[in-house]
Amino acid sequence: MTFTFSHDHVGITVTQEDLDATIAWYSRNLGFTVEQRFEAHGTTFVFLTAGDVKIELLAGASDRGGAPTDNVLTSMVTSRLHHFCLAVADLDAAVSRLLELDVPLIGGPMQIPATGQRIAFVTDNVGTIIELSDPGTWISGRKAQA
């Protein structure tokens, strides 16, 4: 049997106390909007979208976990999602805008010759690492959202 996949979303756990601040962070800094918000099984779920990207926030974490990182190259911890990547149409413009919004870089911008990309890294308000990539790694016709 062969599976056919397409990417649907990335899920990020947050505390109930951090939920509204996390929604605001993604809205203000990356232009995401709330697509859906609902309660199920004692947890609040929020789907945020921007272009064809979807992030699911799950407000059921009991604590904030580890401290946010300030250096992407020293942030490797076993058995957890390290980061997710958002392709951007113009890395320099995206980085400039994020710096204007007081979102610090934790890595880059840097050139990755093996993939022909330039990348940079930031963290959200709860420490989730976000890679920004120009161009994205999709060889097909998928395009970054401006």
C-alpha atoms as a PDB file:
ATOM      1  CA  MET A   1       0.000   0.000   0.000  1.00  0.00           C
ATOM      2  CA  THR A   2       1.265   3.473  -0.897  1.00  0.00           C
ATOM      3  CA  PHE A   3       0.223   6.529   1.053  1.00  0.00           C
ATOM      4  CA  THR A   4      -0.379   9.905  -0.535  1.00  0.00           C
ATOM      5  CA  PHE A   5       0.291  12.775   1.841  1.00  0.00           C
ATOM      6  CA  SER A   6      -0.112  16.497   1.928  1.00  0.00           C
ATOM      7  CA  HIS A   7       0.756  18.611   4.940  1.00  0.00           C
ATOM      8  CA  ASP A   8      -2.235  19.696   7.014  1.00  0.00           C
ATOM      9  CA  HIS A   9      -1.066  21.589  10.126  1.00  0.00           C
ATOM     10  CA  VAL A  10       1.425  21.874  12.973  1.00  0.00           C
ATOM     11  CA  GLY A  11       0.153  21.573  16.556  1.00  0.00           C
ATOM     12  CA  ILE A  12       1.637  23.639  19.369  1.00  0.00           C
ATOM     13  CA  THR A  13       0.728  23.065  23.004  1.00  0.00           C
ATOM     14  CA  VAL A  14       0.346  26.103  25.241  1.00  0.00           C
ATOM     15  CA  THR A  15      -1.055  26.731  28.690  1.00  0.00           C
ATOM     16  CA  GLN A  16      -4.553  28.157  28.971  1.00  0.00           C
ATOM     17  CA  GLU A  17      -2.937  31.296  30.425  1.00  0.00           C
ATOM     18  CA  ASP A  18      -0.711  31.705  27.322  1.00  0.00           C
ATOM     19  CA  LEU A  19      -3.395  31.013  24.706  1.00  0.00           C
ATOM     20  CA  ASP A  20      -4.622  34.550  24.020  1.00  0.00           C
ATOM     21  CA  ALA A  21      -1.086  35.970  24.051  1.00  0.00           C
ATOM     22  CA  THR A  22       0.006  33.270  21.578  1.00  0.00           C
ATOM     23  CA  ILE A  23      -2.919  34.038  19.250  1.00  0.00           C
ATOM     24  CA  ALA A  24      -1.985  37.723  19.452  1.00  0.00           C
ATOM     25  CA  TRP A  25       1.704  36.970  18.749  1.00  0.00           C
ATOM     26  CA  TYR A  26       0.965  35.010  15.553  1.00  0.00           C
ATOM     27  CA  SER A  27      -1.627  37.570  14.437  1.00  0.00           C
ATOM     28  CA  ARG A  28       0.482  40.666  15.089  1.00  0.00           C
ATOM     29  CA  ASN A  29       3.875  39.347  13.957  1.00  0.00           C
ATOM     30  CA  LEU A  30       3.072  36.856  11.173  1.00  0.00           C
ATOM     31  CA  GLY A  31      -0.397  37.871   9.977  1.00  0.00           C
ATOM     32  CA  PHE A  32      -2.259  34.714  11.036  1.00  0.00           C
ATOM     33  CA  THR A  33      -6.008  34.863  11.686  1.00  0.00           C
ATOM     34  CA  VAL A  34      -8.224  32.660  13.817  1.00  0.00           C
ATOM     35  CA  GLU A  35     -10.057  30.208  11.565  1.00  0.00           C
ATOM     36  CA  GLN A  36     -11.764  28.217  14.316  1.00  0.00           C
ATOM     37  CA  ARG A  37     -11.852  28.061  18.110  1.00  0.00           C
ATOM     38  CA  PHE A  38     -13.612  25.343  20.102  1.00  0.00           C
ATOM     39  CA  GLU A  39     -13.582  23.341  23.335  1.00  0.00           C
ATOM     40  CA  ALA A  40     -13.321  19.552  23.359  1.00  0.00           C
ATOM     41  CA  HIS A  41     -12.185  17.011  25.950  1.00  0.00           C
ATOM     42  CA  GLY A  42     -11.313  19.735  28.458  1.00  0.00           C
ATOM     43  CA  THR A  43      -8.984  21.539  26.029  1.00  0.00           C
ATOM     44  CA  THR A  44      -9.356  24.720  23.994  1.00  0.00           C
ATOM     45  CA  PHE A  45      -8.343  24.277  20.339  1.00  0.00           C
ATOM     46  CA  VAL A  46      -7.583  27.211  18.044  1.00  0.00           C
ATOM     47  CA  PHE A  47      -6.750  26.917  14.351  1.00  0.00           C
ATOM     48  CA  LEU A  48      -4.732  29.846  12.971  1.00  0.00           C
ATOM     49  CA  THR A  49      -4.257  30.282   9.215  1.00  0.00           C
ATOM     50  CA  ALA A  50      -2.195  32.394   6.839  1.00  0.00           C
ATOM     51  CA  GLY A  51      -2.265  31.474   3.151  1.00  0.00           C
ATOM     52  CA  ASP A  52      -2.110  27.688   2.971  1.00  0.00           C
ATOM     53  CA  VAL A  53      -0.417  27.383   6.396  1.00  0.00           C
ATOM     54  CA  LYS A  54      -2.386  26.166   9.413  1.00  0.00           C
ATOM     55  CA  ILE A  55      -1.267  26.073  13.041  1.00  0.00           C
ATOM     56  CA  GLU A  56      -3.288  24.350  15.748  1.00  0.00           C
ATOM     57  CA  LEU A  57      -2.908  25.713  19.267  1.00  0.00           C
ATOM     58  CA  LEU A  58      -3.878  23.257  22.001  1.00  0.00           C
ATOM     59  CA  ALA A  59      -4.400  24.998  25.334  1.00  0.00           C
ATOM     60  CA  GLY A  60      -3.973  21.995  27.573  1.00  0.00           C
ATOM     61  CA  ALA A  61      -0.348  22.158  28.709  1.00  0.00           C
ATOM     62  CA  SER A  62       0.053  22.105  32.478  1.00  0.00           C
ATOM     63  CA  ASP A  63       3.260  24.149  32.496  1.00  0.00           C
ATOM     64  CA  ARG A  64       5.443  26.130  30.157  1.00  0.00           C
ATOM     65  CA  GLY A  65       8.180  23.492  29.872  1.00  0.00           C
ATOM     66  CA  GLY A  66      11.717  24.612  29.094  1.00  0.00           C
ATOM     67  CA  ALA A  67      12.950  28.141  28.757  1.00  0.00           C
ATOM     68  CA  PRO A  68      12.879  29.778  25.319  1.00  0.00           C
ATOM     69  CA  THR A  69      16.138  29.544  23.410  1.00  0.00           C
ATOM     70  CA  ASP A  70      18.214  32.428  22.135  1.00  0.00           C
ATOM     71  CA  ASN A  71      20.385  30.371  19.774  1.00  0.00           C
ATOM     72  CA  VAL A  72      18.956  27.906  17.260  1.00  0.00           C
ATOM     73  CA  LEU A  73      22.222  25.967  16.995  1.00  0.00           C
ATOM     74  CA  THR A  74      22.288  25.099  20.703  1.00  0.00           C
ATOM     75  CA  SER A  75      18.593  24.296  21.026  1.00  0.00           C
ATOM     76  CA  MET A  76      18.658  20.580  20.192  1.00  0.00           C
ATOM     77  CA  VAL A  77      16.746  18.452  22.707  1.00  0.00           C
ATOM     78  CA  THR A  78      15.866  14.822  22.054  1.00  0.00           C
ATOM     79  CA  SER A  79      12.318  13.624  21.461  1.00  0.00           C
ATOM     80  CA  ARG A  80      10.536  16.861  20.652  1.00  0.00           C
ATOM     81  CA  LEU A  81       9.634  18.929  17.651  1.00  0.00           C
ATOM     82  CA  HIS A  82      12.617  21.202  17.063  1.00  0.00           C
ATOM     83  CA  HIS A  83      11.000  23.784  14.752  1.00  0.00           C
ATOM     84  CA  PHE A  84       8.593  24.323  11.925  1.00  0.00           C
ATOM     85  CA  CYS A  85       9.367  26.235   8.756  1.00  0.00           C
ATOM     86  CA  LEU A  86       7.434  28.942   6.944  1.00  0.00           C
ATOM     87  CA  ALA A  87       8.482  29.743   3.373  1.00  0.00           C
ATOM     88  CA  VAL A  88       8.540  33.480   2.694  1.00  0.00           C
ATOM     89  CA  ALA A  89       8.663  35.341  -0.602  1.00  0.00           C
ATOM     90  CA  ASP A  90      11.414  37.724   0.602  1.00  0.00           C
ATOM     91  CA  LEU A  91      13.524  36.764   3.624  1.00  0.00           C
ATOM     92  CA  ASP A  92      15.114  40.189   4.012  1.00  0.00           C
ATOM     93  CA  ALA A  93      11.714  41.905   4.054  1.00  0.00           C
ATOM     94  CA  ALA A  94      10.331  39.351   6.531  1.00  0.00           C
ATOM     95  CA  VAL A  95      13.332  39.730   8.852  1.00  0.00           C
ATOM     96  CA  SER A  96      13.161  43.539   8.654  1.00  0.00           C
ATOM     97  CA  ARG A  97       9.464  43.523   9.513  1.00  0.00           C
ATOM     98  CA  LEU A  98       9.940  41.134  12.442  1.00  0.00           C
ATOM     99  CA  LEU A  99      12.795  43.251  13.829  1.00  0.00           C
ATOM    100  CA  GLU A 100      10.535  46.340  13.546  1.00  0.00           C
ATOM    101  CA  LEU A 101       8.028  44.402  15.649  1.00  0.00           C
ATOM    102  CA  ASP A 102      10.762  43.661  18.254  1.00  0.00           C
ATOM    103  CA  VAL A 103      10.873  39.947  17.386  1.00  0.00           C
ATOM    104  CA  PRO A 104      14.565  39.013  17.826  1.00  0.00           C
ATOM    105  CA  LEU A 105      16.370  36.563  15.570  1.00  0.00           C
ATOM    106  CA  ILE A 106      17.891  33.492  17.223  1.00  0.00           C
ATOM    107  CA  GLY A 107      19.746  32.430  14.073  1.00  0.00           C
ATOM    108  CA  GLY A 108      20.626  33.838  10.668  1.00  0.00           C
ATOM    109  CA  PRO A 109      19.983  35.048   8.182  1.00  0.00           C
ATOM    110  CA  MET A 110      22.318  32.413   6.792  1.00  0.00           C
ATOM    111  CA  GLN A 111      22.924  30.801   3.419  1.00  0.00           C
ATOM    112  CA  ILE A 112      22.481  27.021   3.076  1.00  0.00           C
ATOM    113  CA  PRO A 113      24.373  26.114  -0.121  1.00  0.00           C
ATOM    114  CA  ALA A 114      23.200  22.480  -0.133  1.00  0.00           C
ATOM    115  CA  THR A 115      19.565  23.555  -0.560  1.00  0.00           C
ATOM    116  CA  GLY A 116      20.067  26.932  -2.246  1.00  0.00           C
ATOM    117  CA  GLN A 117      18.172  28.651   0.565  1.00  0.00           C
ATOM    118  CA  ARG A 118      18.602  31.528   2.925  1.00  0.00           C
ATOM    119  CA  ILE A 119      17.060  30.969   6.338  1.00  0.00           C
ATOM    120  CA  ALA A 120      16.520  32.750   9.645  1.00  0.00           C
ATOM    121  CA  PHE A 121      14.997  31.695  12.956  1.00  0.00           C
ATOM    122  CA  VAL A 122      12.753  33.370  15.550  1.00  0.00           C
ATOM    123  CA  THR A 123      10.730  32.086  18.488  1.00  0.00           C
ATOM    124  CA  ASP A 124       7.121  32.824  19.319  1.00  0.00           C
ATOM    125  CA  ASN A 125       5.993  34.124  22.722  1.00  0.00           C
ATOM    126  CA  VAL A 126       6.192  30.645  24.322  1.00  0.00           C
ATOM    127  CA  GLY A 127       9.511  29.581  22.775  1.00  0.00           C
ATOM    128  CA  THR A 128       8.415  27.608  19.689  1.00  0.00           C
ATOM    129  CA  ILE A 129      11.186  27.879  17.096  1.00  0.00           C
ATOM    130  CA  ILE A 130      10.064  29.125  13.670  1.00  0.00           C
ATOM    131  CA  GLU A 131      12.335  28.896  10.635  1.00  0.00           C
ATOM    132  CA  LEU A 132      11.778  31.359   7.802  1.00  0.00           C
ATOM    133  CA  SER A 133      13.016  30.099   4.428  1.00  0.00           C
ATOM    134  CA  ASP A 134      13.561  31.841   1.080  1.00  0.00           C
ATOM    135  CA  PRO A 135      12.794  29.964  -1.115  1.00  0.00           C
ATOM    136  CA  GLY A 136      11.020  27.026   0.486  1.00  0.00           C
ATOM    137  CA  THR A 137      12.206  23.453  -0.001  1.00  0.00           C
ATOM    138  CA  TRP A 138       9.277  22.393  -2.204  1.00  0.00           C
ATOM    139  CA  ILE A 139      10.580  21.426  -5.636  1.00  0.00           C
ATOM    140  CA  SER A 140       7.033  21.416  -7.034  1.00  0.00           C
ATOM    141  CA  GLY A 141       5.140  24.535  -8.013  1.00  0.00           C
ATOM    142  CA  ARG A 142       4.132  25.477  -4.449  1.00  0.00           C
ATOM    143  CA  LYS A 143       4.915  29.112  -3.791  1.00  0.00           C
ATOM    144  CA  ALA A 144       5.536  31.060  -0.611  1.00  0.00           C
ATOM    145  CA  GLN A 145       2.749  33.385   0.462  1.00  0.00           C
ATOM    146  CA  ALA A 146       3.735  37.048   0.399  1.00  0.00           C
END
